[in-house]
N, C-alpha and C. Protein backbone atom coordinates (compact mmCIF):
# COMPACT_ATOMS: atom_id res chain seq x y z
N MET A 1 55.04 -57.55 115.17
CA MET A 1 53.66 -57.65 114.72
C MET A 1 53.44 -59.03 114.08
N ILE A 2 52.44 -59.75 114.56
CA ILE A 2 52.19 -61.10 114.09
C ILE A 2 51.07 -61.09 113.06
N PRO A 3 51.01 -62.11 112.18
CA PRO A 3 49.95 -62.15 111.16
C PRO A 3 48.55 -62.11 111.76
N LEU A 4 47.61 -61.54 111.00
CA LEU A 4 46.23 -61.41 111.45
C LEU A 4 45.37 -62.51 110.86
N GLU A 5 44.28 -62.79 111.54
CA GLU A 5 43.30 -63.74 111.02
C GLU A 5 42.46 -63.05 109.94
N PRO A 6 42.11 -63.75 108.87
CA PRO A 6 41.35 -63.15 107.76
C PRO A 6 39.88 -62.98 108.10
N LEU A 7 39.54 -61.96 108.91
CA LEU A 7 38.16 -61.71 109.28
C LEU A 7 37.58 -60.59 108.44
N ALA A 8 36.26 -60.38 108.57
CA ALA A 8 35.57 -59.40 107.73
C ALA A 8 36.07 -57.98 107.99
N ASN A 9 36.43 -57.69 109.21
CA ASN A 9 36.87 -56.33 109.56
C ASN A 9 38.38 -56.20 109.43
N LEU A 10 38.93 -56.71 108.36
CA LEU A 10 40.38 -56.77 108.19
C LEU A 10 41.01 -55.38 108.18
N ILE A 11 40.36 -54.42 107.54
CA ILE A 11 40.92 -53.06 107.50
C ILE A 11 41.05 -52.51 108.91
N ASP A 12 40.01 -52.72 109.73
CA ASP A 12 40.06 -52.24 111.11
C ASP A 12 41.20 -52.91 111.88
N GLN A 13 41.39 -54.20 111.64
CA GLN A 13 42.46 -54.92 112.33
C GLN A 13 43.83 -54.40 111.92
N VAL A 14 44.01 -54.17 110.62
CA VAL A 14 45.29 -53.66 110.12
C VAL A 14 45.52 -52.26 110.67
N TYR A 15 44.48 -51.44 110.66
CA TYR A 15 44.58 -50.08 111.20
C TYR A 15 45.02 -50.14 112.67
N ALA A 16 44.37 -50.99 113.46
CA ALA A 16 44.68 -51.08 114.87
C ALA A 16 46.11 -51.57 115.09
N ARG A 17 46.56 -52.50 114.27
CA ARG A 17 47.91 -53.03 114.44
C ARG A 17 48.97 -51.97 114.08
N ILE A 18 48.74 -51.23 113.00
CA ILE A 18 49.70 -50.18 112.63
C ILE A 18 49.69 -49.07 113.67
N LEU A 19 48.49 -48.68 114.10
CA LEU A 19 48.38 -47.64 115.12
C LEU A 19 49.11 -48.06 116.40
N GLY A 20 48.93 -49.31 116.80
CA GLY A 20 49.62 -49.80 117.99
C GLY A 20 51.13 -49.73 117.84
N ALA A 21 51.62 -50.05 116.64
CA ALA A 21 53.06 -50.00 116.40
C ALA A 21 53.59 -48.57 116.41
N ILE A 22 52.76 -47.61 115.96
CA ILE A 22 53.15 -46.20 116.02
C ILE A 22 53.18 -45.72 117.46
N ILE A 23 52.17 -46.12 118.24
CA ILE A 23 52.08 -45.67 119.63
C ILE A 23 53.22 -46.22 120.47
N ASP A 24 53.54 -47.52 120.31
CA ASP A 24 54.60 -48.10 121.16
C ASP A 24 55.99 -47.94 120.54
N ARG A 25 56.05 -47.19 119.43
CA ARG A 25 57.31 -46.83 118.79
C ARG A 25 58.02 -48.01 118.14
N THR A 26 57.27 -49.08 117.84
CA THR A 26 57.80 -50.11 116.95
C THR A 26 58.06 -49.49 115.59
N LEU A 27 57.14 -48.60 115.19
CA LEU A 27 57.35 -47.75 114.02
C LEU A 27 57.69 -46.36 114.53
N LEU A 28 58.91 -45.92 114.29
CA LEU A 28 59.41 -44.67 114.84
C LEU A 28 59.03 -43.46 113.99
N PRO A 29 58.95 -42.28 114.60
CA PRO A 29 58.71 -41.06 113.81
C PRO A 29 59.75 -40.92 112.71
N GLY A 30 59.27 -40.62 111.50
CA GLY A 30 60.15 -40.49 110.36
C GLY A 30 60.41 -41.78 109.62
N GLN A 31 59.98 -42.91 110.20
CA GLN A 31 60.24 -44.20 109.56
C GLN A 31 59.36 -44.40 108.35
N ARG A 32 59.96 -44.82 107.25
CA ARG A 32 59.23 -45.07 106.01
C ARG A 32 58.43 -46.36 106.13
N ILE A 33 57.19 -46.34 105.69
CA ILE A 33 56.33 -47.52 105.72
C ILE A 33 56.22 -48.07 104.31
N ARG A 34 56.71 -49.27 104.11
CA ARG A 34 56.64 -49.94 102.81
C ARG A 34 55.44 -50.88 102.82
N GLN A 35 54.47 -50.58 101.99
CA GLN A 35 53.20 -51.31 102.04
C GLN A 35 53.39 -52.80 101.77
N ASN A 36 54.21 -53.14 100.79
CA ASN A 36 54.40 -54.56 100.47
C ASN A 36 55.01 -55.31 101.64
N GLU A 37 56.02 -54.70 102.26
CA GLU A 37 56.68 -55.33 103.39
C GLU A 37 55.74 -55.47 104.58
N LEU A 38 54.95 -54.42 104.83
CA LEU A 38 54.01 -54.45 105.95
C LEU A 38 52.92 -55.49 105.71
N ALA A 39 52.41 -55.56 104.48
CA ALA A 39 51.39 -56.56 104.15
C ALA A 39 51.92 -57.97 104.36
N GLU A 40 53.17 -58.17 103.97
CA GLU A 40 53.76 -59.50 104.15
C GLU A 40 53.92 -59.85 105.62
N ARG A 41 54.35 -58.89 106.42
CA ARG A 41 54.54 -59.14 107.85
C ARG A 41 53.22 -59.44 108.55
N LEU A 42 52.14 -58.80 108.09
CA LEU A 42 50.83 -59.02 108.70
C LEU A 42 50.08 -60.18 108.09
N GLY A 43 50.59 -60.70 106.98
CA GLY A 43 49.94 -61.84 106.35
C GLY A 43 48.66 -61.49 105.63
N VAL A 44 48.62 -60.27 105.04
CA VAL A 44 47.43 -59.82 104.32
C VAL A 44 47.86 -59.27 102.96
N SER A 45 46.87 -58.94 102.13
CA SER A 45 47.17 -58.31 100.84
C SER A 45 47.46 -56.82 101.05
N ARG A 46 47.89 -56.14 99.99
CA ARG A 46 48.20 -54.72 100.08
C ARG A 46 46.95 -53.87 100.27
N GLN A 47 45.79 -54.36 99.83
CA GLN A 47 44.58 -53.53 99.85
C GLN A 47 44.19 -53.07 101.25
N PRO A 48 44.06 -53.97 102.24
CA PRO A 48 43.69 -53.48 103.57
C PRO A 48 44.78 -52.59 104.18
N VAL A 49 46.04 -52.86 103.86
CA VAL A 49 47.13 -52.02 104.34
C VAL A 49 47.00 -50.62 103.77
N SER A 50 46.72 -50.54 102.47
CA SER A 50 46.56 -49.23 101.81
C SER A 50 45.40 -48.45 102.42
N HIS A 51 44.27 -49.12 102.63
CA HIS A 51 43.10 -48.45 103.23
C HIS A 51 43.43 -47.95 104.63
N ALA A 52 44.09 -48.80 105.43
CA ALA A 52 44.43 -48.43 106.81
C ALA A 52 45.38 -47.23 106.83
N LEU A 53 46.36 -47.22 105.95
CA LEU A 53 47.31 -46.11 105.90
C LEU A 53 46.63 -44.80 105.50
N HIS A 54 45.65 -44.88 104.62
CA HIS A 54 44.94 -43.66 104.26
C HIS A 54 44.09 -43.14 105.43
N LEU A 55 43.55 -44.04 106.24
CA LEU A 55 42.84 -43.62 107.45
C LEU A 55 43.80 -42.93 108.42
N LEU A 56 44.97 -43.51 108.59
CA LEU A 56 45.98 -42.93 109.48
C LEU A 56 46.48 -41.59 108.93
N HIS A 57 46.53 -41.48 107.62
CA HIS A 57 46.96 -40.22 106.99
C HIS A 57 45.96 -39.12 107.27
N ARG A 58 44.67 -39.43 107.21
CA ARG A 58 43.65 -38.43 107.49
C ARG A 58 43.72 -37.95 108.94
N GLN A 59 44.20 -38.81 109.83
CA GLN A 59 44.34 -38.44 111.24
C GLN A 59 45.65 -37.73 111.53
N GLY A 60 46.52 -37.64 110.54
CA GLY A 60 47.80 -36.97 110.75
C GLY A 60 48.84 -37.83 111.42
N LEU A 61 48.64 -39.15 111.43
CA LEU A 61 49.59 -40.06 112.08
C LEU A 61 50.66 -40.55 111.12
N VAL A 62 50.37 -40.53 109.84
CA VAL A 62 51.38 -40.80 108.82
C VAL A 62 51.26 -39.71 107.76
N ALA A 63 52.35 -39.48 107.04
CA ALA A 63 52.37 -38.46 105.99
C ALA A 63 52.86 -39.09 104.70
N GLU A 64 52.47 -38.50 103.59
CA GLU A 64 52.94 -38.99 102.30
C GLU A 64 54.45 -38.79 102.19
N SER A 65 55.10 -39.79 101.61
CA SER A 65 56.55 -39.74 101.47
C SER A 65 56.95 -40.37 100.15
N GLY A 66 57.24 -39.53 99.18
CA GLY A 66 57.60 -40.06 97.88
C GLY A 66 56.41 -40.61 97.13
N ARG A 67 56.68 -41.32 96.10
CA ARG A 67 55.62 -41.84 95.24
C ARG A 67 54.89 -42.99 95.93
N ARG A 68 53.62 -42.72 96.28
CA ARG A 68 52.73 -43.72 96.86
C ARG A 68 53.29 -44.32 98.15
N GLY A 69 54.06 -43.54 98.87
CA GLY A 69 54.62 -44.04 100.12
C GLY A 69 54.17 -43.20 101.30
N PHE A 70 54.43 -43.71 102.51
CA PHE A 70 54.08 -43.01 103.73
C PHE A 70 55.22 -43.12 104.73
N GLU A 71 55.24 -42.18 105.68
CA GLU A 71 56.16 -42.28 106.79
C GLU A 71 55.45 -41.83 108.06
N VAL A 72 55.92 -42.30 109.19
CA VAL A 72 55.31 -41.95 110.48
C VAL A 72 55.62 -40.49 110.79
N THR A 73 54.59 -39.72 111.13
CA THR A 73 54.82 -38.32 111.47
C THR A 73 55.47 -38.19 112.84
N GLY A 74 56.13 -37.07 113.06
CA GLY A 74 56.72 -36.79 114.36
C GLY A 74 55.67 -36.20 115.29
N LEU A 75 56.02 -36.11 116.56
CA LEU A 75 55.15 -35.49 117.56
C LEU A 75 55.62 -34.06 117.78
N ASP A 76 54.75 -33.11 117.52
CA ASP A 76 55.07 -31.69 117.69
C ASP A 76 54.78 -31.29 119.13
N PRO A 77 55.81 -30.92 119.91
CA PRO A 77 55.58 -30.58 121.31
C PRO A 77 54.54 -29.48 121.51
N ALA A 78 54.56 -28.45 120.64
CA ALA A 78 53.60 -27.36 120.78
C ALA A 78 52.18 -27.86 120.53
N ARG A 79 52.03 -28.73 119.54
CA ARG A 79 50.71 -29.27 119.23
C ARG A 79 50.18 -30.13 120.38
N ILE A 80 51.06 -30.92 120.97
CA ILE A 80 50.66 -31.75 122.09
C ILE A 80 50.23 -30.88 123.27
N ARG A 81 50.96 -29.79 123.52
CA ARG A 81 50.57 -28.86 124.59
C ARG A 81 49.17 -28.31 124.33
N GLN A 82 48.89 -27.96 123.08
CA GLN A 82 47.57 -27.44 122.73
C GLN A 82 46.48 -28.48 122.97
N LEU A 83 46.77 -29.74 122.63
CA LEU A 83 45.79 -30.80 122.86
C LEU A 83 45.53 -30.99 124.34
N TYR A 84 46.58 -30.90 125.15
CA TYR A 84 46.40 -31.05 126.59
C TYR A 84 45.62 -29.87 127.18
N GLU A 85 45.77 -28.70 126.60
CA GLU A 85 44.99 -27.55 127.08
C GLU A 85 43.50 -27.80 126.87
N VAL A 86 43.16 -28.33 125.69
CA VAL A 86 41.76 -28.64 125.40
C VAL A 86 41.29 -29.80 126.26
N ARG A 87 42.14 -30.82 126.35
CA ARG A 87 41.76 -31.97 127.16
C ARG A 87 41.57 -31.58 128.62
N GLY A 88 42.40 -30.66 129.12
CA GLY A 88 42.26 -30.22 130.51
C GLY A 88 40.90 -29.63 130.78
N ALA A 89 40.42 -28.82 129.84
CA ALA A 89 39.10 -28.20 130.00
C ALA A 89 38.01 -29.27 129.99
N LEU A 90 38.12 -30.23 129.07
CA LEU A 90 37.11 -31.28 128.97
C LEU A 90 37.17 -32.22 130.19
N ASP A 91 38.39 -32.55 130.62
CA ASP A 91 38.53 -33.43 131.78
C ASP A 91 37.97 -32.78 133.05
N ALA A 92 38.22 -31.49 133.20
CA ALA A 92 37.69 -30.78 134.37
C ALA A 92 36.16 -30.79 134.37
N LEU A 93 35.58 -30.53 133.20
CA LEU A 93 34.12 -30.56 133.08
C LEU A 93 33.59 -31.96 133.37
N ALA A 94 34.24 -32.97 132.77
CA ALA A 94 33.78 -34.35 132.98
C ALA A 94 33.85 -34.74 134.45
N ALA A 95 34.93 -34.36 135.13
CA ALA A 95 35.08 -34.72 136.54
C ALA A 95 34.02 -34.05 137.40
N ARG A 96 33.73 -32.79 137.11
CA ARG A 96 32.70 -32.08 137.87
C ARG A 96 31.34 -32.73 137.68
N LEU A 97 30.99 -33.00 136.43
CA LEU A 97 29.70 -33.63 136.14
C LEU A 97 29.63 -35.03 136.74
N ALA A 98 30.75 -35.77 136.67
CA ALA A 98 30.77 -37.13 137.22
C ALA A 98 30.55 -37.10 138.73
N ALA A 99 31.17 -36.13 139.40
CA ALA A 99 30.98 -36.02 140.86
C ALA A 99 29.53 -35.72 141.21
N GLU A 100 28.89 -34.89 140.40
CA GLU A 100 27.49 -34.52 140.64
C GLU A 100 26.55 -35.70 140.42
N ARG A 101 26.96 -36.66 139.55
CA ARG A 101 26.10 -37.79 139.22
C ARG A 101 26.51 -39.09 139.93
N SER A 102 27.64 -39.09 140.58
CA SER A 102 28.23 -40.36 141.03
C SER A 102 27.32 -41.17 141.95
N LYS A 103 26.61 -40.50 142.82
CA LYS A 103 25.79 -41.24 143.77
C LYS A 103 24.52 -41.80 143.15
N ALA A 104 24.14 -41.26 142.00
CA ALA A 104 22.93 -41.72 141.33
C ALA A 104 23.20 -42.75 140.24
N ASP A 105 24.47 -42.97 139.91
CA ASP A 105 24.83 -43.87 138.81
C ASP A 105 25.71 -44.98 139.35
N ALA A 106 25.09 -46.04 139.84
CA ALA A 106 25.84 -47.14 140.45
C ALA A 106 26.74 -47.84 139.44
N ALA A 107 26.24 -48.02 138.22
CA ALA A 107 27.04 -48.70 137.20
C ALA A 107 28.27 -47.86 136.83
N GLY A 108 28.07 -46.54 136.71
CA GLY A 108 29.18 -45.66 136.38
C GLY A 108 30.23 -45.63 137.48
N ARG A 109 29.76 -45.62 138.74
CA ARG A 109 30.69 -45.66 139.88
C ARG A 109 31.51 -46.95 139.84
N ALA A 110 30.83 -48.05 139.58
CA ALA A 110 31.51 -49.35 139.56
C ALA A 110 32.57 -49.39 138.46
N GLN A 111 32.26 -48.81 137.31
CA GLN A 111 33.22 -48.80 136.22
C GLN A 111 34.45 -47.97 136.58
N LEU A 112 34.24 -46.83 137.23
CA LEU A 112 35.36 -45.99 137.64
C LEU A 112 36.19 -46.70 138.71
N GLU A 113 35.52 -47.33 139.66
CA GLU A 113 36.23 -48.05 140.73
C GLU A 113 37.05 -49.20 140.15
N GLN A 114 36.50 -49.88 139.14
CA GLN A 114 37.22 -50.97 138.50
C GLN A 114 38.45 -50.45 137.76
N ALA A 115 38.31 -49.33 137.06
CA ALA A 115 39.44 -48.73 136.35
C ALA A 115 40.53 -48.33 137.33
N LEU A 116 40.13 -47.83 138.49
CA LEU A 116 41.10 -47.42 139.51
C LEU A 116 41.82 -48.63 140.09
N ARG A 117 41.07 -49.70 140.37
CA ARG A 117 41.69 -50.92 140.89
C ARG A 117 42.72 -51.48 139.91
N ALA A 118 42.37 -51.47 138.63
CA ALA A 118 43.29 -51.98 137.62
C ALA A 118 44.57 -51.14 137.58
N GLY A 119 44.41 -49.84 137.72
CA GLY A 119 45.58 -48.97 137.72
C GLY A 119 46.46 -49.17 138.94
N ARG A 120 45.85 -49.46 140.07
CA ARG A 120 46.62 -49.69 141.30
C ARG A 120 47.50 -50.93 141.19
N ALA A 121 47.13 -51.84 140.29
CA ALA A 121 47.85 -53.11 140.16
C ALA A 121 49.11 -53.02 139.31
N ILE A 122 49.39 -51.87 138.73
CA ILE A 122 50.58 -51.76 137.87
C ILE A 122 51.85 -51.86 138.71
N ASP A 123 52.91 -52.29 138.05
CA ASP A 123 54.22 -52.30 138.71
C ASP A 123 55.28 -51.97 137.67
N ARG A 124 56.54 -52.12 138.03
CA ARG A 124 57.62 -51.73 137.14
C ARG A 124 57.73 -52.64 135.92
N LYS A 125 57.07 -53.77 135.96
CA LYS A 125 57.14 -54.70 134.84
C LYS A 125 55.92 -54.60 133.91
N THR A 126 54.96 -53.75 134.25
CA THR A 126 53.77 -53.61 133.42
C THR A 126 54.16 -53.08 132.05
N PRO A 127 53.77 -53.76 130.96
CA PRO A 127 54.13 -53.30 129.61
C PRO A 127 53.58 -51.91 129.31
N LEU A 128 54.29 -51.18 128.48
CA LEU A 128 53.89 -49.83 128.14
C LEU A 128 52.50 -49.79 127.52
N ALA A 129 52.20 -50.72 126.62
CA ALA A 129 50.88 -50.74 125.98
C ALA A 129 49.77 -50.90 127.01
N ARG A 130 50.02 -51.71 128.03
CA ARG A 130 49.03 -51.91 129.09
C ARG A 130 48.86 -50.64 129.92
N LEU A 131 49.95 -49.95 130.21
CA LEU A 131 49.87 -48.70 130.95
C LEU A 131 49.02 -47.67 130.23
N ILE A 132 49.23 -47.57 128.93
CA ILE A 132 48.46 -46.60 128.13
C ILE A 132 46.99 -46.97 128.13
N ALA A 133 46.70 -48.26 127.93
CA ALA A 133 45.31 -48.72 127.90
C ALA A 133 44.61 -48.45 129.23
N LEU A 134 45.30 -48.68 130.34
CA LEU A 134 44.71 -48.43 131.65
C LEU A 134 44.43 -46.96 131.87
N ASP A 135 45.34 -46.11 131.42
CA ASP A 135 45.16 -44.67 131.55
C ASP A 135 43.93 -44.21 130.77
N VAL A 136 43.81 -44.69 129.54
CA VAL A 136 42.66 -44.33 128.71
C VAL A 136 41.37 -44.84 129.33
N ASP A 137 41.40 -46.06 129.85
CA ASP A 137 40.21 -46.64 130.48
C ASP A 137 39.74 -45.79 131.67
N PHE A 138 40.70 -45.31 132.46
CA PHE A 138 40.36 -44.50 133.63
C PHE A 138 39.64 -43.22 133.21
N HIS A 139 40.21 -42.50 132.27
CA HIS A 139 39.60 -41.24 131.86
C HIS A 139 38.28 -41.47 131.12
N SER A 140 38.21 -42.55 130.36
CA SER A 140 36.97 -42.87 129.66
C SER A 140 35.85 -43.17 130.65
N ALA A 141 36.19 -43.82 131.76
CA ALA A 141 35.18 -44.11 132.78
C ALA A 141 34.61 -42.81 133.36
N ILE A 142 35.46 -41.81 133.53
CA ILE A 142 34.98 -40.52 134.03
C ILE A 142 34.08 -39.86 133.00
N TYR A 143 34.47 -39.93 131.73
CA TYR A 143 33.64 -39.32 130.68
C TYR A 143 32.24 -39.95 130.69
N ARG A 144 32.18 -41.26 130.84
CA ARG A 144 30.87 -41.93 130.82
C ARG A 144 30.06 -41.60 132.07
N LEU A 145 30.74 -41.53 133.21
CA LEU A 145 30.04 -41.20 134.45
C LEU A 145 29.53 -39.76 134.43
N SER A 146 30.15 -38.92 133.60
CA SER A 146 29.70 -37.52 133.52
C SER A 146 28.29 -37.40 132.98
N GLY A 147 27.86 -38.41 132.21
CA GLY A 147 26.52 -38.37 131.63
C GLY A 147 26.42 -37.49 130.40
N ASN A 148 27.54 -36.96 129.94
CA ASN A 148 27.56 -36.10 128.75
C ASN A 148 28.35 -36.80 127.65
N PRO A 149 27.70 -37.51 126.73
CA PRO A 149 28.42 -38.27 125.71
C PRO A 149 29.23 -37.40 124.76
N ALA A 150 28.90 -36.10 124.68
CA ALA A 150 29.64 -35.21 123.78
C ALA A 150 31.11 -35.11 124.19
N ILE A 151 31.40 -35.26 125.48
CA ILE A 151 32.78 -35.18 125.95
C ILE A 151 33.61 -36.32 125.36
N GLU A 152 33.10 -37.53 125.48
CA GLU A 152 33.82 -38.68 124.94
C GLU A 152 33.90 -38.61 123.42
N GLU A 153 32.84 -38.14 122.78
CA GLU A 153 32.84 -38.01 121.32
C GLU A 153 33.88 -37.00 120.85
N MET A 154 34.06 -35.92 121.59
CA MET A 154 35.04 -34.90 121.21
C MET A 154 36.47 -35.38 121.44
N MET A 155 36.67 -36.22 122.45
CA MET A 155 38.00 -36.73 122.74
C MET A 155 38.41 -37.88 121.83
N ALA A 156 37.45 -38.63 121.34
CA ALA A 156 37.76 -39.85 120.58
C ALA A 156 38.76 -39.63 119.45
N PRO A 157 38.62 -38.60 118.60
CA PRO A 157 39.58 -38.43 117.50
C PRO A 157 40.98 -38.05 117.98
N GLN A 158 41.08 -37.56 119.21
CA GLN A 158 42.37 -37.11 119.72
C GLN A 158 43.13 -38.20 120.48
N TRP A 159 42.46 -39.28 120.84
CA TRP A 159 43.12 -40.31 121.64
C TRP A 159 44.33 -40.92 120.95
N PRO A 160 44.31 -41.18 119.63
CA PRO A 160 45.54 -41.72 119.01
C PRO A 160 46.75 -40.82 119.23
N HIS A 161 46.55 -39.49 119.11
CA HIS A 161 47.66 -38.56 119.33
C HIS A 161 48.05 -38.52 120.80
N MET A 162 47.04 -38.53 121.67
CA MET A 162 47.31 -38.51 123.10
C MET A 162 48.04 -39.78 123.53
N ARG A 163 47.64 -40.91 123.00
CA ARG A 163 48.27 -42.18 123.36
C ARG A 163 49.73 -42.19 122.92
N ARG A 164 50.01 -41.61 121.75
CA ARG A 164 51.40 -41.51 121.31
C ARG A 164 52.22 -40.67 122.28
N SER A 165 51.66 -39.55 122.70
CA SER A 165 52.39 -38.66 123.60
C SER A 165 52.54 -39.29 124.98
N MET A 166 51.52 -40.02 125.42
CA MET A 166 51.57 -40.67 126.73
C MET A 166 52.70 -41.69 126.80
N ALA A 167 53.01 -42.32 125.67
CA ALA A 167 54.07 -43.33 125.66
C ALA A 167 55.41 -42.73 126.03
N THR A 168 55.61 -41.44 125.74
CA THR A 168 56.91 -40.82 126.01
C THR A 168 57.14 -40.62 127.50
N VAL A 169 56.07 -40.43 128.28
CA VAL A 169 56.24 -40.19 129.72
C VAL A 169 55.93 -41.41 130.57
N LEU A 170 55.02 -42.26 130.12
CA LEU A 170 54.71 -43.46 130.90
C LEU A 170 55.85 -44.47 130.87
N ALA A 171 56.77 -44.29 129.93
CA ALA A 171 57.96 -45.13 129.90
C ALA A 171 58.88 -44.82 131.08
N GLU A 172 58.70 -43.65 131.69
CA GLU A 172 59.50 -43.26 132.86
C GLU A 172 58.87 -43.87 134.11
N LEU A 173 59.64 -44.66 134.83
CA LEU A 173 59.09 -45.42 135.95
C LEU A 173 58.52 -44.53 137.05
N ASP A 174 59.15 -43.39 137.33
CA ASP A 174 58.67 -42.55 138.40
C ASP A 174 57.32 -41.92 138.08
N TYR A 175 57.08 -41.64 136.79
CA TYR A 175 55.82 -41.01 136.42
C TYR A 175 54.65 -41.98 136.51
N ARG A 176 54.90 -43.26 136.35
CA ARG A 176 53.82 -44.23 136.45
C ARG A 176 53.12 -44.11 137.81
N GLU A 177 53.91 -43.99 138.86
CA GLU A 177 53.34 -43.91 140.20
C GLU A 177 52.68 -42.56 140.46
N SER A 178 53.32 -41.48 140.03
CA SER A 178 52.74 -40.16 140.29
C SER A 178 51.46 -39.96 139.50
N ALA A 179 51.39 -40.48 138.28
CA ALA A 179 50.18 -40.35 137.48
C ALA A 179 49.00 -41.03 138.17
N TRP A 180 49.23 -42.22 138.73
CA TRP A 180 48.13 -42.92 139.37
C TRP A 180 47.80 -42.34 140.74
N SER A 181 48.75 -41.69 141.37
CA SER A 181 48.43 -40.96 142.60
C SER A 181 47.47 -39.82 142.29
N GLU A 182 47.71 -39.15 141.18
CA GLU A 182 46.81 -38.07 140.75
C GLU A 182 45.45 -38.64 140.36
N HIS A 183 45.44 -39.80 139.72
CA HIS A 183 44.18 -40.46 139.38
C HIS A 183 43.39 -40.78 140.66
N GLU A 184 44.10 -41.25 141.67
CA GLU A 184 43.44 -41.56 142.94
C GLU A 184 42.74 -40.34 143.52
N ALA A 185 43.39 -39.19 143.43
CA ALA A 185 42.81 -37.96 143.96
C ALA A 185 41.56 -37.56 143.17
N ILE A 186 41.62 -37.69 141.86
CA ILE A 186 40.47 -37.36 141.02
C ILE A 186 39.30 -38.28 141.34
N ALA A 187 39.57 -39.59 141.35
CA ALA A 187 38.50 -40.56 141.59
C ALA A 187 37.93 -40.40 142.99
N GLY A 188 38.79 -40.14 143.97
CA GLY A 188 38.31 -39.97 145.34
C GLY A 188 37.33 -38.82 145.46
N ALA A 189 37.64 -37.70 144.79
CA ALA A 189 36.73 -36.54 144.84
C ALA A 189 35.42 -36.84 144.12
N ILE A 190 35.52 -37.53 142.99
CA ILE A 190 34.30 -37.88 142.23
C ILE A 190 33.40 -38.79 143.05
N LEU A 191 33.98 -39.85 143.61
CA LEU A 191 33.18 -40.82 144.35
C LEU A 191 32.62 -40.24 145.64
N ALA A 192 33.28 -39.20 146.16
CA ALA A 192 32.76 -38.52 147.35
C ALA A 192 31.71 -37.48 147.00
N GLY A 193 31.52 -37.25 145.70
CA GLY A 193 30.54 -36.26 145.27
C GLY A 193 31.01 -34.83 145.42
N ASN A 194 32.32 -34.62 145.54
CA ASN A 194 32.87 -33.27 145.70
C ASN A 194 33.22 -32.71 144.32
N ALA A 195 32.29 -32.01 143.72
CA ALA A 195 32.46 -31.54 142.34
C ALA A 195 33.61 -30.54 142.21
N THR A 196 33.74 -29.63 143.17
CA THR A 196 34.80 -28.63 143.10
C THR A 196 36.18 -29.26 143.16
N ALA A 197 36.37 -30.19 144.10
CA ALA A 197 37.66 -30.86 144.23
C ALA A 197 37.97 -31.73 143.02
N ALA A 198 36.94 -32.40 142.49
CA ALA A 198 37.13 -33.26 141.32
C ALA A 198 37.56 -32.43 140.11
N GLU A 199 36.89 -31.31 139.92
CA GLU A 199 37.22 -30.43 138.80
C GLU A 199 38.66 -29.92 138.92
N GLY A 200 39.04 -29.48 140.11
CA GLY A 200 40.38 -28.96 140.33
C GLY A 200 41.46 -30.03 140.15
N ALA A 201 41.20 -31.23 140.65
CA ALA A 201 42.19 -32.31 140.54
C ALA A 201 42.37 -32.74 139.09
N ALA A 202 41.28 -32.81 138.35
CA ALA A 202 41.37 -33.20 136.95
C ALA A 202 42.11 -32.15 136.12
N SER A 203 41.83 -30.90 136.38
CA SER A 203 42.50 -29.81 135.67
C SER A 203 44.00 -29.82 135.98
N ALA A 204 44.35 -29.98 137.24
CA ALA A 204 45.76 -30.00 137.64
C ALA A 204 46.50 -31.18 137.02
N HIS A 205 45.83 -32.32 136.97
CA HIS A 205 46.43 -33.52 136.38
C HIS A 205 46.73 -33.30 134.90
N ALA A 206 45.80 -32.72 134.17
CA ALA A 206 46.01 -32.47 132.74
C ALA A 206 47.14 -31.48 132.52
N ARG A 207 47.20 -30.43 133.34
CA ARG A 207 48.27 -29.44 133.21
C ARG A 207 49.64 -30.08 133.46
N SER A 208 49.70 -30.90 134.51
CA SER A 208 50.95 -31.57 134.86
C SER A 208 51.39 -32.52 133.75
N ALA A 209 50.45 -33.32 133.26
CA ALA A 209 50.77 -34.28 132.20
C ALA A 209 51.19 -33.56 130.93
N GLY A 210 50.48 -32.50 130.59
CA GLY A 210 50.81 -31.74 129.37
C GLY A 210 52.19 -31.12 129.46
N ARG A 211 52.49 -30.53 130.61
CA ARG A 211 53.80 -29.89 130.80
C ARG A 211 54.93 -30.92 130.72
N ARG A 212 54.74 -32.03 131.41
CA ARG A 212 55.78 -33.06 131.43
C ARG A 212 55.98 -33.67 130.05
N THR A 213 54.89 -33.89 129.33
CA THR A 213 54.98 -34.47 128.00
C THR A 213 55.69 -33.52 127.04
N GLU A 214 55.30 -32.25 127.07
CA GLU A 214 55.96 -31.28 126.19
C GLU A 214 57.46 -31.21 126.48
N GLU A 215 57.83 -31.16 127.74
CA GLU A 215 59.25 -31.09 128.11
C GLU A 215 60.00 -32.32 127.62
N ARG A 216 59.37 -33.49 127.77
CA ARG A 216 60.02 -34.73 127.34
C ARG A 216 60.18 -34.76 125.82
N LEU A 217 59.18 -34.32 125.09
CA LEU A 217 59.26 -34.32 123.63
C LEU A 217 60.33 -33.35 123.15
N ARG A 218 60.43 -32.19 123.78
CA ARG A 218 61.45 -31.22 123.39
C ARG A 218 62.85 -31.78 123.68
N ALA A 219 62.99 -32.50 124.79
CA ALA A 219 64.29 -33.10 125.12
C ALA A 219 64.67 -34.16 124.09
N ILE A 220 63.69 -34.94 123.63
CA ILE A 220 63.94 -35.95 122.61
C ILE A 220 64.37 -35.28 121.31
N ASP A 221 63.68 -34.19 120.94
CA ASP A 221 64.04 -33.47 119.72
C ASP A 221 65.45 -32.91 119.78
N GLU A 222 65.82 -32.36 120.94
CA GLU A 222 67.15 -31.77 121.10
C GLU A 222 68.25 -32.82 121.05
N ALA A 223 67.91 -34.02 121.53
CA ALA A 223 68.89 -35.10 121.54
C ALA A 223 69.06 -35.78 120.18
N ALA A 224 68.08 -35.56 119.32
CA ALA A 224 68.11 -36.24 118.00
C ALA A 224 69.18 -35.65 117.10
């Protein structure tokens, strides 16, 4: 983590930097976060670090540890499965609505096509952070094309947890390709206006991702 520029939105920048370190496992589950050390590494005072950590605490990404300290929370496989169950329902709805609207929303179609093209460009050297960002961009494009902003609003608080869980499986080279093959199927059905196929493909993708993520997290726990 490199020092930040002293801009007005410093708390947001510190929050984003710590969150990124939690997601890419620079900060590991169970790792103690020392505010003074973190502030020094980021080149800021303790105040924005303290505010950012309290925001992360409210989201369940860090927990109190000792006197005025925090540590990175672990990923609960059962909780992640539950999140994927909810996400599967929302993704299926979003895909169906997006397919029904796709021919009438040229800008939304273009955004989805762009997200798909970006995903097709990944290779074995693509950084993990980039893989996660591309995955989120793809699903977000579907949410917007659905025309129902409540879907994206409901998913927004869960993305930090989902992004953490995604890092555990996107690090596996074989899953990178299979995940985007499934994305291709979802996007193809949406762009063709096939609501039934889009809904089914999105639901199947969420179930597959949730199952694989839970299995991977349990394997990590058993190996610890």
